[in-house]
Amino acid sequence: MANGKRPSLWPDSSNITSSLTMTEVKIPNHIMRLKSAILGCRYALDGESLYSVKWYKDGHEIYRYVPRDKPPGQAFPLPGVNIDLRNSSDTQVMLRRVTLQSSGLYRCEVSGEAPAFNTVSESETMTVVVTPNHGPKISGGQPRYQIGDVVRVNCTSAPSKPVCHLSWLINGEPAQKTHLRQFDKIVVNRDGLEMARLGLEFRVRGFHFKNGDMKLKCVAKISSLYWQSNEESVESDRQQRAPALESRETVAAKSSTIGSAASTMPLHFLSLLPTLMLFWSWQSPS
């Protein structure tokens, strides 16, 4: 040993290359409560033999597939996890009627046979969704506003899981962030369903009214699974008074027409006076 180093009793791990690779892990990001979820796990052995495929939820083993076992598939009980063994294999696991407890981090782990026991794994998060039973509610608004008034309204979502994301639009355009008022979410029952609330506060300007009308819309959404909105239309006080002014102007115009006609009547009588005086002279006795 010219360099003074002892020879290693173990093979150099840097020279060991794993031919086992994970090609795809497919887990739904969001799924509706009481639906069935398919967790997919595909791999390439590239000459190795499969030892096992294991599935974990939040670090707890829930399913194991070992080809040499009889039967090869085995499920392990865990709250919120109901595995359909008949529809599960080395490449997929079926969860029946998922609940809110089914949400979590799922990991697929594939191992090759001895002596290397090479292992690859990937994980994804699945969230079980409970959608609201009605659209968002708008409160605090007035039927009419004048320029310079302050609008203060709130939008509240119905209970859901996860909580809805709320947004405000004014006349179809997203409201400025400085006009939004954030509130903490509210947990409403033991299932952990949550309500969201978002306020909108701004001073009314002339450009807010389109043909005397201003539209305030609240949108509630959960990923791509749920989208509902509620819209209120408010009027300008100026626009509201316009019909009355127009009506008065119309009446005034009619009155002036009648007045002008009446003012011309004495002129007709004056033009007839000579004829009437001659007629009266004939009727009077000589």
C-alpha atoms as a PDB file:
ATOM      1  CA  MET A   1       0.000   0.000   0.000  1.00  0.00           C
ATOM      2  CA  ALA A   2       2.160   2.800  -1.325  1.00  0.00           C
ATOM      3  CA  ASN A   3      -0.362   5.464  -0.510  1.00  0.00           C
ATOM      4  CA  GLY A   4      -1.023   4.160   3.011  1.00  0.00           C
ATOM      5  CA  LYS A   5      -4.798   3.601   2.452  1.00  0.00           C
ATOM      6  CA  ARG A   6      -6.589   0.385   3.366  1.00  0.00           C
ATOM      7  CA  PRO A   7      -8.534  -1.374   0.602  1.00  0.00           C
ATOM      8  CA  SER A   8     -12.311  -0.998   0.975  1.00  0.00           C
ATOM      9  CA  LEU A   9     -14.336  -4.086   1.833  1.00  0.00           C
ATOM     10  CA  TRP A  10     -17.457  -2.609   0.101  1.00  0.00           C
ATOM     11  CA  PRO A  11     -17.934  -1.846  -3.563  1.00  0.00           C
ATOM     12  CA  ASP A  12     -17.663   1.800  -4.577  1.00  0.00           C
ATOM     13  CA  SER A  13     -21.275   3.064  -4.583  1.00  0.00           C
ATOM     14  CA  SER A  14     -20.384   5.732  -7.097  1.00  0.00           C
ATOM     15  CA  ASN A  15     -19.939   2.983  -9.708  1.00  0.00           C
ATOM     16  CA  ILE A  16     -23.383   1.487  -9.064  1.00  0.00           C
ATOM     17  CA  THR A  17     -25.977   2.745 -11.518  1.00  0.00           C
ATOM     18  CA  SER A  18     -29.668   2.094 -11.056  1.00  0.00           C
ATOM     19  CA  SER A  19     -31.502   0.876 -14.131  1.00  0.00           C
ATOM     20  CA  LEU A  20     -34.859   1.083 -12.317  1.00  0.00           C
ATOM     21  CA  THR A  21     -36.656   4.327 -13.182  1.00  0.00           C
ATOM     22  CA  MET A  22     -40.002   5.898 -12.357  1.00  0.00           C
ATOM     23  CA  THR A  23     -41.795   6.954 -15.536  1.00  0.00           C
ATOM     24  CA  GLU A  24     -45.044   8.415 -14.154  1.00  0.00           C
ATOM     25  CA  VAL A  25     -46.890   9.035 -10.916  1.00  0.00           C
ATOM     26  CA  LYS A  26     -50.427  10.232 -11.566  1.00  0.00           C
ATOM     27  CA  ILE A  27     -52.452  11.413  -8.573  1.00  0.00           C
ATOM     28  CA  PRO A  28     -55.489  13.728  -8.880  1.00  0.00           C
ATOM     29  CA  ASN A  29     -54.725  17.101  -7.338  1.00  0.00           C
ATOM     30  CA  HIS A  30     -58.392  17.640  -6.493  1.00  0.00           C
ATOM     31  CA  ILE A  31     -61.273  15.195  -6.341  1.00  0.00           C
ATOM     32  CA  MET A  32     -64.875  15.509  -5.209  1.00  0.00           C
ATOM     33  CA  ARG A  33     -65.900  13.884  -1.930  1.00  0.00           C
ATOM     34  CA  LEU A  34     -67.405  10.373  -2.237  1.00  0.00           C
ATOM     35  CA  LYS A  35     -65.861   9.827  -5.686  1.00  0.00           C
ATOM     36  CA  SER A  36     -63.335   7.064  -6.405  1.00  0.00           C
ATOM     37  CA  ALA A  37     -59.707   8.071  -6.920  1.00  0.00           C
ATOM     38  CA  ILE A  38     -57.169   6.247  -9.088  1.00  0.00           C
ATOM     39  CA  LEU A  39     -53.542   6.562  -8.001  1.00  0.00           C
ATOM     40  CA  GLY A  40     -51.220   5.623 -10.855  1.00  0.00           C
ATOM     41  CA  CYS A  41     -47.583   4.542 -10.650  1.00  0.00           C
ATOM     42  CA  ARG A  42     -45.614   3.466 -13.727  1.00  0.00           C
ATOM     43  CA  TYR A  43     -41.983   2.429 -13.828  1.00  0.00           C
ATOM     44  CA  ALA A  44     -39.328   0.867 -16.067  1.00  0.00           C
ATOM     45  CA  LEU A  45     -37.304  -2.094 -14.773  1.00  0.00           C
ATOM     46  CA  ASP A  46     -34.783  -2.153 -17.624  1.00  0.00           C
ATOM     47  CA  GLY A  47     -33.689  -5.716 -16.952  1.00  0.00           C
ATOM     48  CA  GLU A  48     -34.219  -5.762 -13.184  1.00  0.00           C
ATOM     49  CA  SER A  49     -36.807  -7.876 -11.405  1.00  0.00           C
ATOM     50  CA  LEU A  50     -39.575  -6.238  -9.404  1.00  0.00           C
ATOM     51  CA  TYR A  51     -39.426  -6.814  -5.682  1.00  0.00           C
ATOM     52  CA  SER A  52     -42.280  -4.595  -4.477  1.00  0.00           C
ATOM     53  CA  VAL A  53     -44.482  -1.561  -5.073  1.00  0.00           C
ATOM     54  CA  LYS A  54     -45.568   0.274  -1.944  1.00  0.00           C
ATOM     55  CA  TRP A  55     -47.925   3.199  -1.426  1.00  0.00           C
ATOM     56  CA  TYR A  56     -47.785   5.608   1.499  1.00  0.00           C
ATOM     57  CA  LYS A  57     -50.133   8.329   2.730  1.00  0.00           C
ATOM     58  CA  ASP A  58     -48.514  10.990   4.911  1.00  0.00           C
ATOM     59  CA  GLY A  59     -45.719   8.532   5.689  1.00  0.00           C
ATOM     60  CA  HIS A  60     -48.006   5.578   6.579  1.00  0.00           C
ATOM     61  CA  GLU A  61     -48.002   2.487   4.362  1.00  0.00           C
ATOM     62  CA  ILE A  62     -51.463   1.844   2.909  1.00  0.00           C
ATOM     63  CA  TYR A  63     -50.793  -0.674   0.107  1.00  0.00           C
ATOM     64  CA  ARG A  64     -48.128  -3.186  -0.849  1.00  0.00           C
ATOM     65  CA  TYR A  65     -47.722  -5.237  -4.006  1.00  0.00           C
ATOM     66  CA  VAL A  66     -45.185  -8.093  -3.928  1.00  0.00           C
ATOM     67  CA  PRO A  67     -45.366 -10.362  -7.027  1.00  0.00           C
ATOM     68  CA  ARG A  68     -44.231 -13.500  -5.210  1.00  0.00           C
ATOM     69  CA  ASP A  69     -46.824 -13.133  -2.421  1.00  0.00           C
ATOM     70  CA  LYS A  70     -50.202 -14.861  -2.616  1.00  0.00           C
ATOM     71  CA  PRO A  71     -52.212 -12.744  -3.123  1.00  0.00           C
ATOM     72  CA  PRO A  72     -49.681 -10.157  -4.283  1.00  0.00           C
ATOM     73  CA  GLY A  73     -51.725  -7.123  -3.151  1.00  0.00           C
ATOM     74  CA  GLN A  74     -52.262  -6.187   0.487  1.00  0.00           C
ATOM     75  CA  ALA A  75     -54.014  -3.140   2.015  1.00  0.00           C
ATOM     76  CA  PHE A  76     -53.303  -1.562   5.394  1.00  0.00           C
ATOM     77  CA  PRO A  77     -56.117   0.235   7.268  1.00  0.00           C
ATOM     78  CA  LEU A  78     -55.904   3.980   7.752  1.00  0.00           C
ATOM     79  CA  PRO A  79     -58.676   6.542   8.408  1.00  0.00           C
ATOM     80  CA  GLY A  80     -59.917   7.999   5.125  1.00  0.00           C
ATOM     81  CA  VAL A  81     -58.331   5.234   3.037  1.00  0.00           C
ATOM     82  CA  ASN A  82     -60.623   2.553   1.587  1.00  0.00           C
ATOM     83  CA  ILE A  83     -58.671   0.537  -1.007  1.00  0.00           C
ATOM     84  CA  ASP A  84     -60.446  -1.567  -3.621  1.00  0.00           C
ATOM     85  CA  LEU A  85     -58.073  -4.553  -3.889  1.00  0.00           C
ATOM     86  CA  ARG A  86     -59.891  -6.009  -6.899  1.00  0.00           C
ATOM     87  CA  ASN A  87     -59.075  -2.879  -8.904  1.00  0.00           C
ATOM     88  CA  SER A  88     -55.571  -2.352  -7.543  1.00  0.00           C
ATOM     89  CA  SER A  89     -52.324  -3.736  -8.938  1.00  0.00           C
ATOM     90  CA  ASP A  90     -48.619  -2.949  -9.254  1.00  0.00           C
ATOM     91  CA  THR A  91     -49.415   0.096 -11.455  1.00  0.00           C
ATOM     92  CA  GLN A  92     -52.477   1.573  -9.750  1.00  0.00           C
ATOM     93  CA  VAL A  93     -54.440   1.799  -6.509  1.00  0.00           C
ATOM     94  CA  MET A  94     -58.157   2.584  -6.348  1.00  0.00           C
ATOM     95  CA  LEU A  95     -59.538   4.499  -3.368  1.00  0.00           C
ATOM     96  CA  ARG A  96     -63.302   4.116  -2.978  1.00  0.00           C
ATOM     97  CA  ARG A  97     -65.622   6.907  -1.803  1.00  0.00           C
ATOM     98  CA  VAL A  98     -62.953   9.335  -0.645  1.00  0.00           C
ATOM     99  CA  THR A  99     -63.663  11.544   2.365  1.00  0.00           C
ATOM    100  CA  LEU A 100     -62.072  14.692   3.726  1.00  0.00           C
ATOM    101  CA  GLN A 101     -59.691  12.430   5.669  1.00  0.00           C
ATOM    102  CA  SER A 102     -58.449  11.056   2.345  1.00  0.00           C
ATOM    103  CA  SER A 103     -56.639  14.322   1.609  1.00  0.00           C
ATOM    104  CA  GLY A 104     -52.887  14.121   2.028  1.00  0.00           C
ATOM    105  CA  LEU A 105     -49.494  13.375   0.506  1.00  0.00           C
ATOM    106  CA  TYR A 106     -49.368  10.078  -1.422  1.00  0.00           C
ATOM    107  CA  ARG A 107     -46.083   8.422  -2.372  1.00  0.00           C
ATOM    108  CA  CYS A 108     -45.364   5.487  -4.654  1.00  0.00           C
ATOM    109  CA  GLU A 109     -42.171   3.519  -3.948  1.00  0.00           C
ATOM    110  CA  VAL A 110     -40.856   0.882  -6.372  1.00  0.00           C
ATOM    111  CA  SER A 111     -38.030  -1.488  -5.388  1.00  0.00           C
ATOM    112  CA  GLY A 112     -35.998  -3.949  -7.463  1.00  0.00           C
ATOM    113  CA  GLU A 113     -34.855  -7.402  -6.399  1.00  0.00           C
ATOM    114  CA  ALA A 114     -31.670  -8.357  -4.589  1.00  0.00           C
ATOM    115  CA  PRO A 115     -28.833  -7.820  -4.411  1.00  0.00           C
ATOM    116  CA  ALA A 116     -29.086  -4.109  -5.229  1.00  0.00           C
ATOM    117  CA  PHE A 117     -32.669  -3.475  -4.069  1.00  0.00           C
ATOM    118  CA  ASN A 118     -32.643  -0.249  -6.051  1.00  0.00           C
ATOM    119  CA  THR A 119     -35.571   1.972  -5.041  1.00  0.00           C
ATOM    120  CA  VAL A 120     -37.260   4.945  -6.711  1.00  0.00           C
ATOM    121  CA  SER A 121     -40.209   6.968  -5.454  1.00  0.00           C
ATOM    122  CA  GLU A 122     -42.335  10.011  -6.239  1.00  0.00           C
ATOM    123  CA  SER A 123     -45.140  11.764  -4.350  1.00  0.00           C
ATOM    124  CA  GLU A 124     -48.063  14.087  -5.019  1.00  0.00           C
ATOM    125  CA  THR A 125     -50.705  15.776  -2.867  1.00  0.00           C
ATOM    126  CA  MET A 126     -54.392  14.965  -3.272  1.00  0.00           C
ATOM    127  CA  THR A 127     -57.095  17.248  -1.873  1.00  0.00           C
ATOM    128  CA  VAL A 128     -60.688  16.082  -1.436  1.00  0.00           C
ATOM    129  CA  VAL A 129     -63.139  18.842  -2.303  1.00  0.00           C
ATOM    130  CA  VAL A 130     -66.554  19.682  -0.854  1.00  0.00           C
ATOM    131  CA  THR A 131     -68.153  22.379  -3.007  1.00  0.00           C
ATOM    132  CA  PRO A 132     -70.536  25.057  -1.640  1.00  0.00           C
ATOM    133  CA  ASN A 133     -74.254  24.329  -1.906  1.00  0.00           C
ATOM    134  CA  HIS A 134     -74.977  27.837  -3.230  1.00  0.00           C
ATOM    135  CA  GLY A 135     -73.184  30.789  -4.758  1.00  0.00           C
ATOM    136  CA  PRO A 136     -71.507  33.645  -2.891  1.00  0.00           C
ATOM    137  CA  LYS A 137     -73.644  36.246  -1.104  1.00  0.00           C
ATOM    138  CA  ILE A 138     -73.170  40.025  -1.393  1.00  0.00           C
ATOM    139  CA  SER A 139     -74.139  42.195   1.590  1.00  0.00           C
ATOM    140  CA  GLY A 140     -73.913  45.804   2.678  1.00  0.00           C
ATOM    141  CA  GLY A 141     -74.688  47.452  -0.657  1.00  0.00           C
ATOM    142  CA  GLN A 142     -77.097  50.302  -1.397  1.00  0.00           C
ATOM    143  CA  PRO A 143     -79.487  50.409  -4.368  1.00  0.00           C
ATOM    144  CA  ARG A 144     -78.183  53.842  -5.462  1.00  0.00           C
ATOM    145  CA  TYR A 145     -74.963  55.815  -5.091  1.00  0.00           C
ATOM    146  CA  GLN A 146     -73.914  59.356  -5.859  1.00  0.00           C
ATOM    147  CA  ILE A 147     -70.498  60.348  -7.128  1.00  0.00           C
ATOM    148  CA  GLY A 148     -68.323  60.801  -4.054  1.00  0.00           C
ATOM    149  CA  ASP A 149     -70.140  58.148  -1.990  1.00  0.00           C
ATOM    150  CA  VAL A 150     -68.125  55.290  -0.497  1.00  0.00           C
ATOM    151  CA  VAL A 151     -69.112  51.747  -1.456  1.00  0.00           C
ATOM    152  CA  ARG A 152     -68.614  49.212   1.341  1.00  0.00           C
ATOM    153  CA  VAL A 153     -69.758  45.691   0.488  1.00  0.00           C
ATOM    154  CA  ASN A 154     -68.807  42.164   1.561  1.00  0.00           C
ATOM    155  CA  CYS A 155     -68.859  38.862  -0.298  1.00  0.00           C
ATOM    156  CA  THR A 156     -69.215  35.626   1.672  1.00  0.00           C
ATOM    157  CA  SER A 157     -68.913  32.097   0.306  1.00  0.00           C
ATOM    158  CA  ALA A 158     -70.923  29.106   1.460  1.00  0.00           C
ATOM    159  CA  PRO A 159     -69.087  26.444   3.516  1.00  0.00           C
ATOM    160  CA  SER A 160     -66.633  24.347   1.483  1.00  0.00           C
ATOM    161  CA  LYS A 161     -63.360  22.441   1.625  1.00  0.00           C
ATOM    162  CA  PRO A 162     -60.946  23.805   0.727  1.00  0.00           C
ATOM    163  CA  VAL A 163     -62.110  27.365   1.288  1.00  0.00           C
ATOM    164  CA  CYS A 164     -63.237  29.267  -1.820  1.00  0.00           C
ATOM    165  CA  HIS A 165     -61.028  31.861  -3.437  1.00  0.00           C
ATOM    166  CA  LEU A 166     -63.023  35.090  -3.768  1.00  0.00           C
ATOM    167  CA  SER A 167     -62.516  37.997  -6.152  1.00  0.00           C
ATOM    168  CA  TRP A 168     -64.345  41.245  -6.954  1.00  0.00           C
ATOM    169  CA  LEU A 169     -65.080  42.787 -10.348  1.00  0.00           C
ATOM    170  CA  ILE A 170     -66.397  46.302 -11.028  1.00  0.00           C
ATOM    171  CA  ASN A 171     -68.152  46.538 -14.380  1.00  0.00           C
ATOM    172  CA  GLY A 172     -66.377  43.351 -15.449  1.00  0.00           C
ATOM    173  CA  GLU A 173     -62.889  44.553 -14.516  1.00  0.00           C
ATOM    174  CA  PRO A 174     -60.909  43.158 -11.535  1.00  0.00           C
ATOM    175  CA  ALA A 175     -61.023  45.499  -8.542  1.00  0.00           C
ATOM    176  CA  GLN A 176     -57.790  47.136  -7.471  1.00  0.00           C
ATOM    177  CA  LYS A 177     -55.997  45.373  -4.608  1.00  0.00           C
ATOM    178  CA  THR A 178     -56.076  48.587  -2.574  1.00  0.00           C
ATOM    179  CA  HIS A 179     -59.887  48.402  -2.643  1.00  0.00           C
ATOM    180  CA  LEU A 180     -60.027  44.870  -1.188  1.00  0.00           C
ATOM    181  CA  ARG A 181     -60.505  44.114   2.512  1.00  0.00           C
ATOM    182  CA  GLN A 182     -59.235  40.706   3.651  1.00  0.00           C
ATOM    183  CA  PHE A 183     -60.896  38.690   6.445  1.00  0.00           C
ATOM    184  CA  ASP A 184     -59.885  35.454   8.163  1.00  0.00           C
ATOM    185  CA  LYS A 185     -61.663  32.310   7.003  1.00  0.00           C
ATOM    186  CA  ILE A 186     -64.358  30.873   9.273  1.00  0.00           C
ATOM    187  CA  VAL A 187     -64.557  27.191  10.251  1.00  0.00           C
ATOM    188  CA  VAL A 188     -68.246  26.330  10.512  1.00  0.00           C
ATOM    189  CA  ASN A 189     -68.581  22.669  11.561  1.00  0.00           C
ATOM    190  CA  ARG A 190     -66.722  19.615  12.792  1.00  0.00           C
ATOM    191  CA  ASP A 191     -66.016  18.489   9.220  1.00  0.00           C
ATOM    192  CA  GLY A 192     -63.747  21.486   8.922  1.00  0.00           C
ATOM    193  CA  LEU A 193     -65.750  23.202   6.173  1.00  0.00           C
ATOM    194  CA  GLU A 194     -64.711  26.821   5.772  1.00  0.00           C
ATOM    195  CA  MET A 195     -66.294  30.107   4.703  1.00  0.00           C
ATOM    196  CA  ALA A 196     -64.389  32.925   3.011  1.00  0.00           C
ATOM    197  CA  ARG A 197     -65.197  36.648   3.196  1.00  0.00           C
ATOM    198  CA  LEU A 198     -63.783  39.444   1.066  1.00  0.00           C
ATOM    199  CA  GLY A 199     -64.675  43.117   1.386  1.00  0.00           C
ATOM    200  CA  LEU A 200     -64.723  45.812  -1.295  1.00  0.00           C
ATOM    201  CA  GLU A 201     -64.387  49.500  -0.415  1.00  0.00           C
ATOM    202  CA  PHE A 202     -63.917  52.416  -2.820  1.00  0.00           C
ATOM    203  CA  ARG A 203     -65.116  55.946  -3.516  1.00  0.00           C
ATOM    204  CA  VAL A 204     -67.516  56.295  -6.427  1.00  0.00           C
ATOM    205  CA  ARG A 205     -66.233  58.226  -9.441  1.00  0.00           C
ATOM    206  CA  GLY A 206     -68.025  59.245 -12.594  1.00  0.00           C
ATOM    207  CA  PHE A 207     -66.366  56.532 -14.678  1.00  0.00           C
ATOM    208  CA  HIS A 208     -67.819  53.839 -12.427  1.00  0.00           C
ATOM    209  CA  PHE A 209     -71.245  54.376 -14.004  1.00  0.00           C
ATOM    210  CA  LYS A 210     -71.884  52.965 -17.451  1.00  0.00           C
ATOM    211  CA  ASN A 211     -75.109  54.497 -18.767  1.00  0.00           C
ATOM    212  CA  GLY A 212     -76.059  55.304 -15.192  1.00  0.00           C
ATOM    213  CA  ASP A 213     -75.420  51.738 -13.999  1.00  0.00           C
ATOM    214  CA  MET A 214     -72.603  50.156 -11.964  1.00  0.00           C
ATOM    215  CA  LYS A 215     -72.186  46.372 -11.700  1.00  0.00           C
ATOM    216  CA  LEU A 216     -70.483  44.735  -8.715  1.00  0.00           C
ATOM    217  CA  LYS A 217     -69.684  41.036  -9.147  1.00  0.00           C
ATOM    218  CA  CYS A 218     -68.205  38.560  -6.678  1.00  0.00           C
ATOM    219  CA  VAL A 219     -66.685  35.310  -8.001  1.00  0.00           C
ATOM    220  CA  ALA A 220     -66.067  32.200  -5.869  1.00  0.00           C
ATOM    221  CA  LYS A 221     -63.926  29.355  -7.222  1.00  0.00           C
ATOM    222  CA  ILE A 222     -62.114  26.209  -6.155  1.00  0.00           C
ATOM    223  CA  SER A 223     -59.447  25.217  -8.669  1.00  0.00           C
ATOM    224  CA  SER A 224     -61.205  24.104 -11.872  1.00  0.00           C
ATOM    225  CA  LEU A 225     -63.907  22.149 -10.006  1.00  0.00           C
ATOM    226  CA  TYR A 226     -66.181  24.977  -8.884  1.00  0.00           C
ATOM    227  CA  TRP A 227     -67.043  28.458 -10.173  1.00  0.00           C
ATOM    228  CA  GLN A 228     -70.026  30.567  -9.106  1.00  0.00           C
ATOM    229  CA  SER A 229     -70.681  34.288  -9.101  1.00  0.00           C
ATOM    230  CA  ASN A 230     -73.200  36.816  -7.814  1.00  0.00           C
ATOM    231  CA  GLU A 231     -73.736  40.250  -9.317  1.00  0.00           C
ATOM    232  CA  GLU A 232     -75.573  43.325  -8.100  1.00  0.00           C
ATOM    233  CA  SER A 233     -76.456  46.296 -10.258  1.00  0.00           C
ATOM    234  CA  VAL A 234     -76.658  49.721  -8.608  1.00  0.00           C
ATOM    235  CA  GLU A 235     -77.890  52.977 -10.104  1.00  0.00           C
ATOM    236  CA  SER A 236     -76.579  56.498 -10.076  1.00  0.00           C
ATOM    237  CA  ASP A 237     -78.724  58.995  -8.170  1.00  0.00           C
ATOM    238  CA  ARG A 238     -78.171  61.412 -11.020  1.00  0.00           C
ATOM    239  CA  GLN A 239     -79.522  58.910 -13.522  1.00  0.00           C
ATOM    240  CA  GLN A 240     -82.453  58.142 -11.247  1.00  0.00           C
ATOM    241  CA  ARG A 241     -83.537  61.812 -11.171  1.00  0.00           C
ATOM    242  CA  ALA A 242     -83.257  62.247 -14.932  1.00  0.00           C
ATOM    243  CA  PRO A 243     -86.691  60.809 -15.850  1.00  0.00           C
ATOM    244  CA  ALA A 244     -88.383  63.211 -13.404  1.00  0.00           C
ATOM    245  CA  LEU A 245     -86.555  66.203 -14.916  1.00  0.00           C
ATOM    246  CA  GLU A 246     -87.423  65.028 -18.380  1.00  0.00           C
ATOM    247  CA  SER A 247     -91.054  64.664 -17.360  1.00  0.00           C
ATOM    248  CA  ARG A 248     -91.144  68.184 -15.943  1.00  0.00           C
ATOM    249  CA  GLU A 249     -89.572  69.529 -19.084  1.00  0.00           C
ATOM    250  CA  THR A 250     -92.182  67.774 -21.169  1.00  0.00           C
ATOM    251  CA  VAL A 251     -95.028  69.242 -19.100  1.00  0.00           C
ATOM    252  CA  ALA A 252     -93.420  72.655 -19.207  1.00  0.00           C
ATOM    253  CA  ALA A 253     -93.176  72.459 -22.977  1.00  0.00           C
ATOM    254  CA  LYS A 254     -96.869  71.602 -23.271  1.00  0.00           C
ATOM    255  CA  SER A 255     -97.833  74.430 -20.920  1.00  0.00           C
ATOM    256  CA  SER A 256     -95.850  76.948 -22.933  1.00  0.00           C
ATOM    257  CA  THR A 257     -97.581  75.752 -26.109  1.00  0.00           C
ATOM    258  CA  ILE A 258    -101.004  76.263 -24.545  1.00  0.00           C
ATOM    259  CA  GLY A 259     -99.934  79.658 -23.206  1.00  0.00           C
ATOM    260  CA  SER A 260     -98.663  80.781 -26.569  1.00  0.00           C
ATOM    261  CA  ALA A 261    -101.891  79.719 -28.241  1.00  0.00           C
ATOM    262  CA  ALA A 262    -103.930  81.610 -25.657  1.00  0.00           C
ATOM    263  CA  SER A 263    -101.803  84.725 -26.102  1.00  0.00           C
ATOM    264  CA  THR A 264    -102.602  84.826 -29.848  1.00  0.00           C
ATOM    265  CA  MET A 265    -106.412  84.687 -29.425  1.00  0.00           C
ATOM    266  CA  PRO A 266    -106.997  88.477 -28.798  1.00  0.00           C
ATOM    267  CA  LEU A 267    -105.293  89.248 -32.143  1.00  0.00           C
ATOM    268  CA  HIS A 268    -108.016  87.327 -33.990  1.00  0.00           C
ATOM    269  CA  PHE A 269    -110.725  89.240 -32.159  1.00  0.00           C
ATOM    270  CA  LEU A 270    -109.110  92.567 -33.059  1.00  0.00           C
ATOM    271  CA  SER A 271    -109.082  91.699 -36.740  1.00  0.00           C
ATOM    272  CA  LEU A 272    -112.860  91.023 -36.586  1.00  0.00           C
ATOM    273  CA  LEU A 273    -113.875  94.248 -34.776  1.00  0.00           C
ATOM    274  CA  PRO A 274    -114.648  96.373 -37.929  1.00  0.00           C
ATOM    275  CA  THR A 275    -117.003  93.720 -39.278  1.00  0.00           C
ATOM    276  CA  LEU A 276    -118.774  93.356 -35.951  1.00  0.00           C
ATOM    277  CA  MET A 277    -119.242  97.137 -35.574  1.00  0.00           C
ATOM    278  CA  LEU A 278    -120.779  97.348 -39.063  1.00  0.00           C
ATOM    279  CA  PHE A 279    -123.133  94.492 -38.223  1.00  0.00           C
ATOM    280  CA  TRP A 280    -124.224  96.190 -35.019  1.00  0.00           C
ATOM    281  CA  SER A 281    -124.860  99.476 -36.860  1.00  0.00           C
ATOM    282  CA  TRP A 282    -127.254  97.750 -39.278  1.00  0.00           C
ATOM    283  CA  GLN A 283    -129.165  96.202 -36.416  1.00  0.00           C
ATOM    284  CA  SER A 284    -129.552  99.404 -34.458  1.00  0.00           C
ATOM    285  CA  PRO A 285    -132.696 101.605 -35.208  1.00  0.00           C
ATOM    286  CA  SER A 286    -132.125 104.772 -37.220  1.00  0.00           C
END
